[in-house]
Amino acid sequence: MLAPNLVRPMRYSRSEHTRVQTLQKEVARAEEDYQRLRAAYLDIAKNEPGHEVALAMIGADMDRAHAHLQELIGLPRLPFTHEPSTVVRREAQRITHDN
């Protein structure tokens, strides 16, 4: 175990720091895109549940945004995971049936 005074904070070079900041911004943007599409999907599922074309289009965009976000943060796409739109569709159906 190191003594507390021997622990040094991590230091990044200027180029590494710039790369990390850029990646953080890209992850934040991807998360915002996913959340925006998820909110739109839930809104349409709640207010216009019969609009299957809109749900399918937004669901596909949401799935792509989720895959992009996973790729950015380094998570592998696993073949047995549910598409996020399927999970959100079930959540929206549960919400509309509860109300």
N, C-alpha and C. Protein backbone atom coordinates (compact mmCIF):
# COMPACT_ATOMS: atom_id res chain seq x y z
N MET A 1 0.85 -1.18 0.00
CA MET A 1 0.00 0.00 0.00
C MET A 1 0.89 1.24 0.00
N LEU A 2 0.53 2.20 -0.84
CA LEU A 2 1.31 3.43 -0.93
C LEU A 2 0.88 4.40 0.15
N ALA A 3 1.84 5.13 0.63
CA ALA A 3 1.51 6.19 1.58
C ALA A 3 0.76 7.28 0.84
N PRO A 4 -0.17 7.97 1.52
CA PRO A 4 -0.97 9.00 0.84
C PRO A 4 -0.15 10.06 0.13
N ASN A 5 1.01 10.40 0.65
CA ASN A 5 1.81 11.44 0.00
C ASN A 5 2.54 10.93 -1.24
N LEU A 6 2.52 9.61 -1.50
CA LEU A 6 3.17 9.06 -2.68
C LEU A 6 2.22 8.88 -3.86
N VAL A 7 0.95 9.05 -3.63
CA VAL A 7 -0.04 8.89 -4.70
C VAL A 7 -0.06 10.17 -5.52
N ARG A 8 0.17 10.02 -6.81
CA ARG A 8 0.19 11.19 -7.69
C ARG A 8 -1.04 11.18 -8.58
N PRO A 9 -1.62 12.34 -8.80
CA PRO A 9 -2.79 12.38 -9.70
C PRO A 9 -2.36 12.05 -11.13
N MET A 10 -3.29 11.46 -11.89
CA MET A 10 -3.00 11.16 -13.29
C MET A 10 -2.87 12.46 -14.07
N ARG A 11 -1.93 12.47 -14.96
CA ARG A 11 -1.74 13.65 -15.79
C ARG A 11 -1.83 13.21 -17.24
N TYR A 12 -2.55 14.00 -18.00
CA TYR A 12 -2.69 13.73 -19.43
C TYR A 12 -1.84 14.72 -20.21
N SER A 13 -1.35 14.26 -21.34
CA SER A 13 -0.70 15.20 -22.25
C SER A 13 -1.80 16.06 -22.87
N ARG A 14 -1.41 17.13 -23.48
CA ARG A 14 -2.38 18.05 -24.08
C ARG A 14 -3.23 17.33 -25.13
N SER A 15 -2.61 16.50 -25.95
CA SER A 15 -3.37 15.80 -27.00
C SER A 15 -4.31 14.76 -26.39
N GLU A 16 -3.87 14.05 -25.34
CA GLU A 16 -4.76 13.09 -24.68
C GLU A 16 -5.94 13.80 -24.03
N HIS A 17 -5.66 14.93 -23.41
CA HIS A 17 -6.72 15.70 -22.75
C HIS A 17 -7.76 16.16 -23.77
N THR A 18 -7.29 16.64 -24.91
CA THR A 18 -8.20 17.07 -25.97
C THR A 18 -9.03 15.90 -26.49
N ARG A 19 -8.39 14.75 -26.65
CA ARG A 19 -9.10 13.56 -27.13
C ARG A 19 -10.16 13.11 -26.13
N VAL A 20 -9.83 13.13 -24.84
CA VAL A 20 -10.79 12.74 -23.80
C VAL A 20 -11.97 13.70 -23.78
N GLN A 21 -11.69 15.00 -23.85
CA GLN A 21 -12.78 15.98 -23.87
C GLN A 21 -13.68 15.80 -25.08
N THR A 22 -13.10 15.55 -26.23
CA THR A 22 -13.88 15.34 -27.45
C THR A 22 -14.76 14.11 -27.31
N LEU A 23 -14.21 13.03 -26.77
CA LEU A 23 -14.98 11.81 -26.58
C LEU A 23 -16.11 12.02 -25.58
N GLN A 24 -15.85 12.77 -24.50
CA GLN A 24 -16.90 13.05 -23.53
C GLN A 24 -18.05 13.83 -24.17
N LYS A 25 -17.72 14.80 -25.00
CA LYS A 25 -18.76 15.57 -25.69
C LYS A 25 -19.55 14.69 -26.65
N GLU A 26 -18.85 13.80 -27.34
CA GLU A 26 -19.53 12.91 -28.29
C GLU A 26 -20.46 11.94 -27.56
N VAL A 27 -20.03 11.43 -26.42
CA VAL A 27 -20.88 10.54 -25.62
C VAL A 27 -22.10 11.30 -25.11
N ALA A 28 -21.90 12.53 -24.63
CA ALA A 28 -23.02 13.34 -24.14
C ALA A 28 -24.02 13.61 -25.27
N ARG A 29 -23.52 13.92 -26.46
CA ARG A 29 -24.39 14.18 -27.60
C ARG A 29 -25.17 12.92 -27.99
N ALA A 30 -24.50 11.77 -27.97
CA ALA A 30 -25.17 10.51 -28.31
C ALA A 30 -26.23 10.16 -27.27
N GLU A 31 -25.95 10.42 -26.01
CA GLU A 31 -26.92 10.17 -24.94
C GLU A 31 -28.14 11.09 -25.10
N GLU A 32 -27.89 12.37 -25.44
CA GLU A 32 -29.00 13.30 -25.68
C GLU A 32 -29.86 12.85 -26.85
N ASP A 33 -29.22 12.40 -27.93
CA ASP A 33 -29.96 11.91 -29.09
C ASP A 33 -30.84 10.73 -28.71
N TYR A 34 -30.27 9.78 -27.98
CA TYR A 34 -31.03 8.60 -27.57
C TYR A 34 -32.20 9.00 -26.68
N GLN A 35 -31.97 9.87 -25.71
CA GLN A 35 -33.04 10.26 -24.80
C GLN A 35 -34.14 11.04 -25.53
N ARG A 36 -33.74 11.87 -26.50
CA ARG A 36 -34.72 12.62 -27.29
C ARG A 36 -35.60 11.67 -28.10
N LEU A 37 -34.99 10.69 -28.74
CA LEU A 37 -35.76 9.71 -29.52
C LEU A 37 -36.63 8.85 -28.62
N ARG A 38 -36.13 8.49 -27.46
CA ARG A 38 -36.91 7.69 -26.51
C ARG A 38 -38.14 8.46 -26.04
N ALA A 39 -37.95 9.75 -25.74
CA ALA A 39 -39.08 10.59 -25.31
C ALA A 39 -40.11 10.72 -26.43
N ALA A 40 -39.65 10.89 -27.67
CA ALA A 40 -40.57 10.99 -28.81
C ALA A 40 -41.33 9.68 -28.99
N TYR A 41 -40.65 8.57 -28.85
CA TYR A 41 -41.29 7.26 -28.99
C TYR A 41 -42.37 7.08 -27.93
N LEU A 42 -42.04 7.40 -26.68
CA LEU A 42 -43.02 7.27 -25.60
C LEU A 42 -44.20 8.21 -25.80
N ASP A 43 -43.94 9.41 -26.29
CA ASP A 43 -45.01 10.37 -26.54
C ASP A 43 -45.98 9.85 -27.60
N ILE A 44 -45.45 9.34 -28.69
CA ILE A 44 -46.32 8.82 -29.75
C ILE A 44 -47.04 7.56 -29.28
N ALA A 45 -46.33 6.70 -28.55
CA ALA A 45 -46.97 5.48 -28.05
C ALA A 45 -48.11 5.80 -27.09
N LYS A 46 -47.97 6.87 -26.35
CA LYS A 46 -49.01 7.26 -25.39
C LYS A 46 -50.17 7.98 -26.08
N ASN A 47 -49.85 8.93 -26.95
CA ASN A 47 -50.89 9.79 -27.55
C ASN A 47 -51.46 9.26 -28.85
N GLU A 48 -50.69 8.51 -29.62
CA GLU A 48 -51.15 7.98 -30.90
C GLU A 48 -50.70 6.52 -31.05
N PRO A 49 -51.19 5.62 -30.21
CA PRO A 49 -50.70 4.24 -30.23
C PRO A 49 -50.94 3.51 -31.55
N GLY A 50 -51.88 3.97 -32.36
CA GLY A 50 -52.16 3.31 -33.63
C GLY A 50 -51.24 3.74 -34.75
N HIS A 51 -50.37 4.70 -34.51
CA HIS A 51 -49.49 5.23 -35.55
C HIS A 51 -48.23 4.35 -35.63
N GLU A 52 -48.42 3.16 -36.21
CA GLU A 52 -47.36 2.15 -36.22
C GLU A 52 -46.16 2.53 -37.08
N VAL A 53 -46.39 3.29 -38.15
CA VAL A 53 -45.27 3.69 -39.01
C VAL A 53 -44.33 4.62 -38.25
N ALA A 54 -44.90 5.60 -37.56
CA ALA A 54 -44.06 6.53 -36.78
C ALA A 54 -43.31 5.78 -35.68
N LEU A 55 -44.00 4.86 -35.02
CA LEU A 55 -43.34 4.09 -33.96
C LEU A 55 -42.20 3.25 -34.52
N ALA A 56 -42.41 2.65 -35.68
CA ALA A 56 -41.36 1.83 -36.29
C ALA A 56 -40.16 2.68 -36.71
N MET A 57 -40.44 3.85 -37.30
CA MET A 57 -39.34 4.71 -37.76
C MET A 57 -38.54 5.26 -36.59
N ILE A 58 -39.24 5.76 -35.58
CA ILE A 58 -38.54 6.31 -34.42
C ILE A 58 -37.85 5.18 -33.65
N GLY A 59 -38.49 4.02 -33.58
CA GLY A 59 -37.87 2.88 -32.91
C GLY A 59 -36.57 2.47 -33.58
N ALA A 60 -36.55 2.46 -34.90
CA ALA A 60 -35.32 2.11 -35.62
C ALA A 60 -34.22 3.14 -35.37
N ASP A 61 -34.60 4.43 -35.39
CA ASP A 61 -33.63 5.48 -35.09
C ASP A 61 -33.11 5.36 -33.66
N MET A 62 -34.01 5.03 -32.74
CA MET A 62 -33.63 4.88 -31.34
C MET A 62 -32.66 3.70 -31.18
N ASP A 63 -32.92 2.61 -31.88
CA ASP A 63 -32.03 1.45 -31.82
C ASP A 63 -30.64 1.80 -32.36
N ARG A 64 -30.59 2.55 -33.45
CA ARG A 64 -29.29 2.97 -34.00
C ARG A 64 -28.56 3.91 -33.04
N ALA A 65 -29.30 4.84 -32.43
CA ALA A 65 -28.69 5.77 -31.47
C ALA A 65 -28.14 5.01 -30.27
N HIS A 66 -28.88 4.01 -29.82
CA HIS A 66 -28.43 3.20 -28.68
C HIS A 66 -27.17 2.41 -29.05
N ALA A 67 -27.15 1.84 -30.24
CA ALA A 67 -25.97 1.08 -30.69
C ALA A 67 -24.75 1.99 -30.80
N HIS A 68 -24.96 3.21 -31.30
CA HIS A 68 -23.86 4.18 -31.42
C HIS A 68 -23.33 4.55 -30.03
N LEU A 69 -24.23 4.76 -29.09
CA LEU A 69 -23.83 5.09 -27.73
C LEU A 69 -23.04 3.94 -27.11
N GLN A 70 -23.51 2.72 -27.30
CA GLN A 70 -22.78 1.55 -26.78
C GLN A 70 -21.38 1.46 -27.38
N GLU A 71 -21.29 1.72 -28.67
CA GLU A 71 -20.00 1.67 -29.36
C GLU A 71 -19.04 2.72 -28.79
N LEU A 72 -19.56 3.92 -28.53
CA LEU A 72 -18.71 4.99 -28.01
C LEU A 72 -18.16 4.67 -26.63
N ILE A 73 -18.97 4.05 -25.79
CA ILE A 73 -18.50 3.77 -24.44
C ILE A 73 -17.81 2.41 -24.33
N GLY A 74 -17.71 1.71 -25.46
CA GLY A 74 -16.93 0.48 -25.50
C GLY A 74 -17.67 -0.79 -25.14
N LEU A 75 -19.00 -0.76 -25.16
CA LEU A 75 -19.76 -1.97 -24.88
C LEU A 75 -19.98 -2.75 -26.17
N PRO A 76 -19.77 -4.05 -26.14
CA PRO A 76 -20.01 -4.84 -27.35
C PRO A 76 -21.50 -5.03 -27.59
N ARG A 77 -21.87 -5.14 -28.86
CA ARG A 77 -23.27 -5.45 -29.19
C ARG A 77 -23.44 -6.95 -29.07
N LEU A 78 -24.29 -7.34 -28.15
CA LEU A 78 -24.51 -8.76 -27.93
C LEU A 78 -25.73 -9.21 -28.72
N PRO A 79 -25.66 -10.37 -29.38
CA PRO A 79 -26.76 -10.81 -30.24
C PRO A 79 -28.04 -11.14 -29.50
N PHE A 80 -27.97 -11.43 -28.21
CA PHE A 80 -29.17 -11.85 -27.48
C PHE A 80 -29.84 -10.71 -26.72
N THR A 81 -29.32 -9.49 -26.82
CA THR A 81 -29.95 -8.38 -26.10
C THR A 81 -31.16 -7.89 -26.88
N HIS A 82 -32.14 -7.39 -26.16
CA HIS A 82 -33.34 -6.83 -26.80
C HIS A 82 -33.00 -5.47 -27.38
N GLU A 83 -33.65 -5.16 -28.48
CA GLU A 83 -33.50 -3.82 -29.02
C GLU A 83 -34.17 -2.86 -28.05
N PRO A 84 -33.60 -1.69 -27.83
CA PRO A 84 -34.18 -0.74 -26.89
C PRO A 84 -35.62 -0.37 -27.23
N SER A 85 -35.96 -0.28 -28.51
CA SER A 85 -37.32 0.10 -28.88
C SER A 85 -38.32 -0.95 -28.42
N THR A 86 -37.94 -2.21 -28.41
CA THR A 86 -38.83 -3.28 -27.94
C THR A 86 -39.10 -3.11 -26.45
N VAL A 87 -38.06 -2.82 -25.70
CA VAL A 87 -38.21 -2.61 -24.26
C VAL A 87 -39.06 -1.38 -23.99
N VAL A 88 -38.82 -0.29 -24.71
CA VAL A 88 -39.58 0.94 -24.52
C VAL A 88 -41.03 0.73 -24.95
N ARG A 89 -41.27 -0.05 -26.01
CA ARG A 89 -42.63 -0.33 -26.44
C ARG A 89 -43.41 -1.03 -25.33
N ARG A 90 -42.78 -2.01 -24.69
CA ARG A 90 -43.44 -2.70 -23.57
C ARG A 90 -43.73 -1.73 -22.43
N GLU A 91 -42.77 -0.86 -22.15
CA GLU A 91 -42.95 0.13 -21.09
C GLU A 91 -44.11 1.07 -21.42
N ALA A 92 -44.18 1.52 -22.67
CA ALA A 92 -45.26 2.42 -23.09
C ALA A 92 -46.61 1.72 -23.01
N GLN A 93 -46.67 0.45 -23.41
CA GLN A 93 -47.93 -0.29 -23.32
C GLN A 93 -48.36 -0.45 -21.87
N ARG A 94 -47.41 -0.71 -21.00
CA ARG A 94 -47.74 -0.85 -19.58
C ARG A 94 -48.26 0.47 -19.02
N ILE A 95 -47.65 1.58 -19.40
CA ILE A 95 -48.08 2.89 -18.92
C ILE A 95 -49.48 3.21 -19.42
N THR A 96 -49.76 2.95 -20.70
CA THR A 96 -51.09 3.28 -21.24
C THR A 96 -52.16 2.38 -20.66
N HIS A 97 -51.84 1.13 -20.36
CA HIS A 97 -52.83 0.23 -19.76
C HIS A 97 -53.08 0.57 -18.30
N ASP A 98 -52.08 1.11 -17.62
CA ASP A 98 -52.25 1.50 -16.22
C ASP A 98 -53.11 2.75 -16.07
N ASN A 99 -53.12 3.60 -17.09
CA ASN A 99 -53.88 4.87 -17.01
C ASN A 99 -55.27 4.71 -17.49
